[in-house]
Amino acid sequence: MATFVKTILLPQGTKRKLFAEREESVRKDVKRAFDVLQVGFAIVRGPAHLMDQNKIGTIMRACVIFHNMIVEDERDNYEFTFDYDGVDGTVPTPMVNHNYHPCYETYFQ
């Protein structure tokens, strides 16, 4: 079960200010991560208040695992690494591949 901590609106003292600063940072990270999952997985966008808490947890873990697998797979397929240290006019153009790939045929079927 999740525990939610109320935000300290006007933190007094260094400990409370540090806590409020770190809490805000973590909240932003969680919001960004949840937004990424909502874009990629329709099940995360739907209403969850009618679902069992254990099912929600399982679904979220599965979506995070799938997202990480997709990112890792895409990272392994990069054919071109941009050279930011290149001098103007010497940076090669990226290679684009328009060849047929059998996995797309299976996907679209």
N, C-alpha and C. Protein backbone atom coordinates (compact mmCIF):
# COMPACT_ATOMS: atom_id res chain seq x y z
N MET A 1 0.84 -1.18 0.00
CA MET A 1 0.00 0.00 0.00
C MET A 1 0.88 1.24 0.00
N ALA A 2 0.53 2.22 -0.80
CA ALA A 2 1.33 3.43 -0.95
C ALA A 2 1.05 4.39 0.20
N THR A 3 2.08 5.09 0.61
CA THR A 3 1.94 6.12 1.62
C THR A 3 2.25 7.46 0.97
N PHE A 4 1.33 8.39 1.08
CA PHE A 4 1.53 9.70 0.48
C PHE A 4 1.87 10.71 1.57
N VAL A 5 2.87 11.52 1.31
CA VAL A 5 3.30 12.55 2.25
C VAL A 5 2.84 13.89 1.71
N LYS A 6 2.22 14.69 2.57
CA LYS A 6 1.79 16.01 2.14
C LYS A 6 3.00 16.90 1.91
N THR A 7 2.89 17.74 0.90
CA THR A 7 3.96 18.67 0.59
C THR A 7 4.03 19.75 1.66
N ILE A 8 5.23 20.12 2.03
CA ILE A 8 5.43 21.22 2.98
C ILE A 8 5.36 22.51 2.18
N LEU A 9 4.29 23.30 2.39
CA LEU A 9 4.08 24.50 1.58
C LEU A 9 5.12 25.57 1.85
N LEU A 10 5.36 25.90 3.11
CA LEU A 10 6.35 26.91 3.47
C LEU A 10 7.33 26.29 4.45
N PRO A 11 8.34 25.57 3.94
CA PRO A 11 9.26 24.88 4.84
C PRO A 11 10.09 25.84 5.68
N GLN A 12 10.17 25.56 6.97
CA GLN A 12 10.95 26.36 7.91
C GLN A 12 12.14 25.53 8.38
N GLY A 13 13.32 26.02 8.25
CA GLY A 13 14.51 25.31 8.68
C GLY A 13 15.16 24.54 7.54
N THR A 14 16.43 24.25 7.71
CA THR A 14 17.19 23.62 6.62
C THR A 14 16.74 22.19 6.34
N LYS A 15 16.40 21.42 7.40
CA LYS A 15 15.97 20.04 7.18
C LYS A 15 14.67 19.99 6.38
N ARG A 16 13.73 20.82 6.74
CA ARG A 16 12.44 20.83 6.04
C ARG A 16 12.59 21.38 4.62
N LYS A 17 13.44 22.37 4.44
CA LYS A 17 13.68 22.91 3.09
C LYS A 17 14.32 21.85 2.19
N LEU A 18 15.30 21.11 2.73
CA LEU A 18 15.95 20.05 1.97
C LEU A 18 14.95 18.95 1.63
N PHE A 19 14.11 18.57 2.60
CA PHE A 19 13.09 17.56 2.35
C PHE A 19 12.13 18.01 1.26
N ALA A 20 11.65 19.24 1.34
CA ALA A 20 10.70 19.76 0.35
C ALA A 20 11.33 19.80 -1.04
N GLU A 21 12.60 20.18 -1.11
CA GLU A 21 13.31 20.25 -2.40
C GLU A 21 13.46 18.86 -3.02
N ARG A 22 13.87 17.90 -2.22
CA ARG A 22 14.05 16.53 -2.72
C ARG A 22 12.71 15.89 -3.07
N GLU A 23 11.70 16.16 -2.25
CA GLU A 23 10.38 15.60 -2.53
C GLU A 23 9.85 16.13 -3.87
N GLU A 24 10.01 17.41 -4.12
CA GLU A 24 9.56 18.00 -5.39
C GLU A 24 10.30 17.37 -6.56
N SER A 25 11.59 17.12 -6.40
CA SER A 25 12.38 16.50 -7.45
C SER A 25 11.87 15.10 -7.76
N VAL A 26 11.59 14.33 -6.72
CA VAL A 26 11.10 12.96 -6.90
C VAL A 26 9.70 12.98 -7.53
N ARG A 27 8.86 13.90 -7.10
CA ARG A 27 7.51 14.01 -7.68
C ARG A 27 7.58 14.28 -9.18
N LYS A 28 8.49 15.17 -9.58
CA LYS A 28 8.65 15.47 -11.01
C LYS A 28 9.11 14.24 -11.78
N ASP A 29 10.06 13.49 -11.21
CA ASP A 29 10.56 12.28 -11.87
C ASP A 29 9.44 11.26 -12.04
N VAL A 30 8.65 11.06 -11.00
CA VAL A 30 7.55 10.09 -11.07
C VAL A 30 6.52 10.54 -12.10
N LYS A 31 6.20 11.83 -12.12
CA LYS A 31 5.24 12.36 -13.09
C LYS A 31 5.73 12.15 -14.51
N ARG A 32 6.99 12.44 -14.78
CA ARG A 32 7.56 12.25 -16.12
C ARG A 32 7.52 10.78 -16.52
N ALA A 33 7.90 9.90 -15.60
CA ALA A 33 7.90 8.46 -15.89
C ALA A 33 6.48 7.98 -16.18
N PHE A 34 5.51 8.45 -15.40
CA PHE A 34 4.13 8.04 -15.61
C PHE A 34 3.61 8.57 -16.94
N ASP A 35 3.99 9.80 -17.31
CA ASP A 35 3.59 10.35 -18.61
C ASP A 35 4.14 9.52 -19.76
N VAL A 36 5.38 9.08 -19.65
CA VAL A 36 5.99 8.24 -20.68
C VAL A 36 5.22 6.93 -20.81
N LEU A 37 4.86 6.32 -19.69
CA LEU A 37 4.11 5.07 -19.73
C LEU A 37 2.71 5.28 -20.32
N GLN A 38 2.08 6.42 -20.03
CA GLN A 38 0.75 6.69 -20.57
C GLN A 38 0.79 6.82 -22.09
N VAL A 39 1.85 7.40 -22.61
CA VAL A 39 1.97 7.55 -24.06
C VAL A 39 2.13 6.18 -24.72
N GLY A 40 2.90 5.30 -24.12
CA GLY A 40 3.21 4.03 -24.75
C GLY A 40 2.23 2.90 -24.50
N PHE A 41 1.46 2.97 -23.43
CA PHE A 41 0.60 1.86 -23.06
C PHE A 41 -0.79 2.35 -22.71
N ALA A 42 -1.76 1.97 -23.52
CA ALA A 42 -3.14 2.44 -23.34
C ALA A 42 -3.73 2.00 -22.01
N ILE A 43 -3.31 0.86 -21.50
CA ILE A 43 -3.89 0.36 -20.25
C ILE A 43 -3.59 1.29 -19.09
N VAL A 44 -2.49 2.02 -19.16
CA VAL A 44 -2.12 2.96 -18.10
C VAL A 44 -3.00 4.21 -18.16
N ARG A 45 -3.49 4.54 -19.35
CA ARG A 45 -4.33 5.73 -19.52
C ARG A 45 -5.74 5.53 -18.98
N GLY A 46 -6.19 4.28 -18.92
CA GLY A 46 -7.57 3.99 -18.52
C GLY A 46 -7.80 4.19 -17.03
N PRO A 47 -9.07 4.16 -16.63
CA PRO A 47 -9.38 4.32 -15.20
C PRO A 47 -8.91 3.11 -14.40
N ALA A 48 -8.25 3.39 -13.31
CA ALA A 48 -7.70 2.31 -12.49
C ALA A 48 -8.42 2.16 -11.16
N HIS A 49 -9.31 3.08 -10.86
CA HIS A 49 -9.94 3.04 -9.54
C HIS A 49 -10.84 1.82 -9.33
N LEU A 50 -11.24 1.15 -10.42
CA LEU A 50 -12.07 -0.03 -10.29
C LEU A 50 -11.25 -1.32 -10.23
N MET A 51 -9.94 -1.22 -10.44
CA MET A 51 -9.08 -2.40 -10.45
C MET A 51 -8.58 -2.73 -9.04
N ASP A 52 -8.21 -3.97 -8.87
CA ASP A 52 -7.59 -4.44 -7.64
C ASP A 52 -6.17 -3.85 -7.55
N GLN A 53 -5.75 -3.47 -6.34
CA GLN A 53 -4.42 -2.86 -6.16
C GLN A 53 -3.30 -3.78 -6.64
N ASN A 54 -3.42 -5.07 -6.39
CA ASN A 54 -2.37 -6.00 -6.83
C ASN A 54 -2.29 -6.05 -8.35
N LYS A 55 -3.45 -6.00 -9.02
CA LYS A 55 -3.45 -6.01 -10.49
C LYS A 55 -2.82 -4.73 -11.04
N ILE A 56 -3.12 -3.60 -10.42
CA ILE A 56 -2.52 -2.33 -10.86
C ILE A 56 -1.00 -2.40 -10.73
N GLY A 57 -0.53 -2.92 -9.61
CA GLY A 57 0.92 -3.05 -9.42
C GLY A 57 1.56 -3.95 -10.44
N THR A 58 0.90 -5.08 -10.74
CA THR A 58 1.43 -6.02 -11.73
C THR A 58 1.45 -5.37 -13.12
N ILE A 59 0.39 -4.67 -13.47
CA ILE A 59 0.31 -4.00 -14.78
C ILE A 59 1.40 -2.95 -14.90
N MET A 60 1.59 -2.14 -13.85
CA MET A 60 2.60 -1.08 -13.91
C MET A 60 4.00 -1.67 -14.03
N ARG A 61 4.28 -2.74 -13.26
CA ARG A 61 5.61 -3.37 -13.37
C ARG A 61 5.83 -3.93 -14.77
N ALA A 62 4.80 -4.55 -15.34
CA ALA A 62 4.92 -5.10 -16.69
C ALA A 62 5.17 -3.98 -17.70
N CYS A 63 4.46 -2.87 -17.57
CA CYS A 63 4.65 -1.75 -18.50
C CYS A 63 6.06 -1.17 -18.38
N VAL A 64 6.56 -1.05 -17.16
CA VAL A 64 7.93 -0.54 -16.97
C VAL A 64 8.94 -1.49 -17.58
N ILE A 65 8.75 -2.80 -17.38
CA ILE A 65 9.66 -3.79 -17.97
C ILE A 65 9.61 -3.72 -19.49
N PHE A 66 8.40 -3.67 -20.06
CA PHE A 66 8.27 -3.57 -21.52
C PHE A 66 8.93 -2.29 -22.04
N HIS A 67 8.70 -1.19 -21.35
CA HIS A 67 9.30 0.08 -21.77
C HIS A 67 10.83 -0.03 -21.78
N ASN A 68 11.39 -0.59 -20.72
CA ASN A 68 12.85 -0.73 -20.66
C ASN A 68 13.38 -1.66 -21.74
N MET A 69 12.63 -2.73 -22.04
CA MET A 69 13.04 -3.64 -23.11
C MET A 69 13.03 -2.92 -24.46
N ILE A 70 12.01 -2.10 -24.71
CA ILE A 70 11.91 -1.35 -25.96
C ILE A 70 13.07 -0.38 -26.09
N VAL A 71 13.34 0.37 -25.02
CA VAL A 71 14.44 1.34 -25.04
C VAL A 71 15.76 0.64 -25.29
N GLU A 72 15.99 -0.48 -24.61
CA GLU A 72 17.24 -1.23 -24.79
C GLU A 72 17.37 -1.76 -26.21
N ASP A 73 16.27 -2.27 -26.76
CA ASP A 73 16.28 -2.78 -28.12
C ASP A 73 16.57 -1.67 -29.12
N GLU A 74 15.95 -0.53 -28.95
CA GLU A 74 16.17 0.59 -29.87
C GLU A 74 17.60 1.11 -29.77
N ARG A 75 18.14 1.11 -28.56
CA ARG A 75 19.52 1.57 -28.37
C ARG A 75 20.50 0.67 -29.11
N ASP A 76 20.22 -0.64 -29.12
CA ASP A 76 21.11 -1.59 -29.79
C ASP A 76 21.04 -1.47 -31.30
N ASN A 77 19.97 -0.89 -31.85
CA ASN A 77 19.79 -0.80 -33.29
C ASN A 77 20.26 0.51 -33.90
N TYR A 78 20.84 1.41 -33.11
CA TYR A 78 21.32 2.67 -33.66
C TYR A 78 22.48 2.39 -34.61
N GLU A 79 22.35 2.85 -35.86
CA GLU A 79 23.42 2.66 -36.83
C GLU A 79 24.33 3.87 -36.90
N PHE A 80 23.88 4.98 -36.36
CA PHE A 80 24.63 6.22 -36.51
C PHE A 80 24.74 6.90 -35.15
N THR A 81 25.94 7.22 -34.76
CA THR A 81 26.15 7.97 -33.54
C THR A 81 26.61 9.36 -33.93
N PHE A 82 25.89 10.36 -33.50
CA PHE A 82 26.21 11.73 -33.88
C PHE A 82 27.48 12.18 -33.19
N ASP A 83 28.36 12.81 -33.94
CA ASP A 83 29.61 13.33 -33.42
C ASP A 83 29.44 14.82 -33.15
N TYR A 84 29.27 15.19 -31.89
CA TYR A 84 29.05 16.59 -31.54
C TYR A 84 30.33 17.41 -31.63
N ASP A 85 31.47 16.73 -31.74
CA ASP A 85 32.74 17.43 -31.82
C ASP A 85 33.16 17.71 -33.26
N GLY A 86 32.34 17.32 -34.22
CA GLY A 86 32.69 17.51 -35.62
C GLY A 86 32.75 18.98 -35.99
N VAL A 87 33.63 19.29 -36.94
CA VAL A 87 33.76 20.67 -37.42
C VAL A 87 32.66 20.91 -38.44
N ASP A 88 32.16 22.14 -38.53
CA ASP A 88 31.09 22.46 -39.48
C ASP A 88 31.41 21.94 -40.87
N GLY A 89 30.44 21.23 -41.44
CA GLY A 89 30.59 20.72 -42.80
C GLY A 89 31.27 19.37 -42.88
N THR A 90 31.80 18.85 -41.78
CA THR A 90 32.50 17.57 -41.85
C THR A 90 31.70 16.43 -41.22
N VAL A 91 30.54 16.74 -40.67
CA VAL A 91 29.72 15.70 -40.03
C VAL A 91 28.99 14.91 -41.11
N PRO A 92 29.11 13.57 -41.12
CA PRO A 92 28.45 12.78 -42.15
C PRO A 92 26.93 12.80 -41.97
N THR A 93 26.21 12.63 -43.08
CA THR A 93 24.75 12.58 -43.01
C THR A 93 24.33 11.22 -42.47
N PRO A 94 23.23 11.17 -41.72
CA PRO A 94 22.78 9.88 -41.18
C PRO A 94 22.34 8.93 -42.28
N MET A 95 22.55 7.62 -42.05
CA MET A 95 22.15 6.61 -43.03
C MET A 95 20.71 6.19 -42.72
N VAL A 96 19.87 6.17 -43.73
CA VAL A 96 18.49 5.73 -43.59
C VAL A 96 18.32 4.46 -44.39
N ASN A 97 17.72 3.44 -43.77
CA ASN A 97 17.55 2.15 -44.42
C ASN A 97 16.08 1.96 -44.77
N HIS A 98 15.77 1.77 -46.05
CA HIS A 98 14.39 1.58 -46.51
C HIS A 98 14.13 0.13 -46.94
N ASN A 99 15.01 -0.77 -46.55
CA ASN A 99 14.86 -2.17 -46.93
C ASN A 99 13.72 -2.83 -46.17
N TYR A 100 13.14 -3.86 -46.78
CA TYR A 100 12.06 -4.65 -46.18
C TYR A 100 12.58 -5.43 -44.99
N HIS A 101 11.82 -5.45 -43.91
CA HIS A 101 12.20 -6.24 -42.74
C HIS A 101 11.04 -7.17 -42.41
N PRO A 102 11.27 -8.50 -42.31
CA PRO A 102 10.18 -9.46 -42.13
C PRO A 102 9.39 -9.28 -40.84
N CYS A 103 9.96 -8.71 -39.81
CA CYS A 103 9.22 -8.58 -38.55
C CYS A 103 8.05 -7.61 -38.71
N TYR A 104 8.16 -6.64 -39.63
CA TYR A 104 7.05 -5.70 -39.84
C TYR A 104 5.84 -6.41 -40.47
N GLU A 105 6.11 -7.34 -41.37
CA GLU A 105 5.03 -8.08 -42.00
C GLU A 105 4.24 -8.87 -40.95
N THR A 106 4.95 -9.50 -40.03
CA THR A 106 4.30 -10.24 -38.95
C THR A 106 3.52 -9.29 -38.06
N TYR A 107 4.09 -8.15 -37.75
CA TYR A 107 3.44 -7.17 -36.89
C TYR A 107 2.13 -6.67 -37.51
N PHE A 108 2.16 -6.33 -38.79
CA PHE A 108 0.98 -5.75 -39.43
C PHE A 108 -0.12 -6.79 -39.67
N GLN A 109 0.23 -8.07 -39.71
CA GLN A 109 -0.78 -9.11 -39.87
C GLN A 109 -1.54 -9.24 -38.58
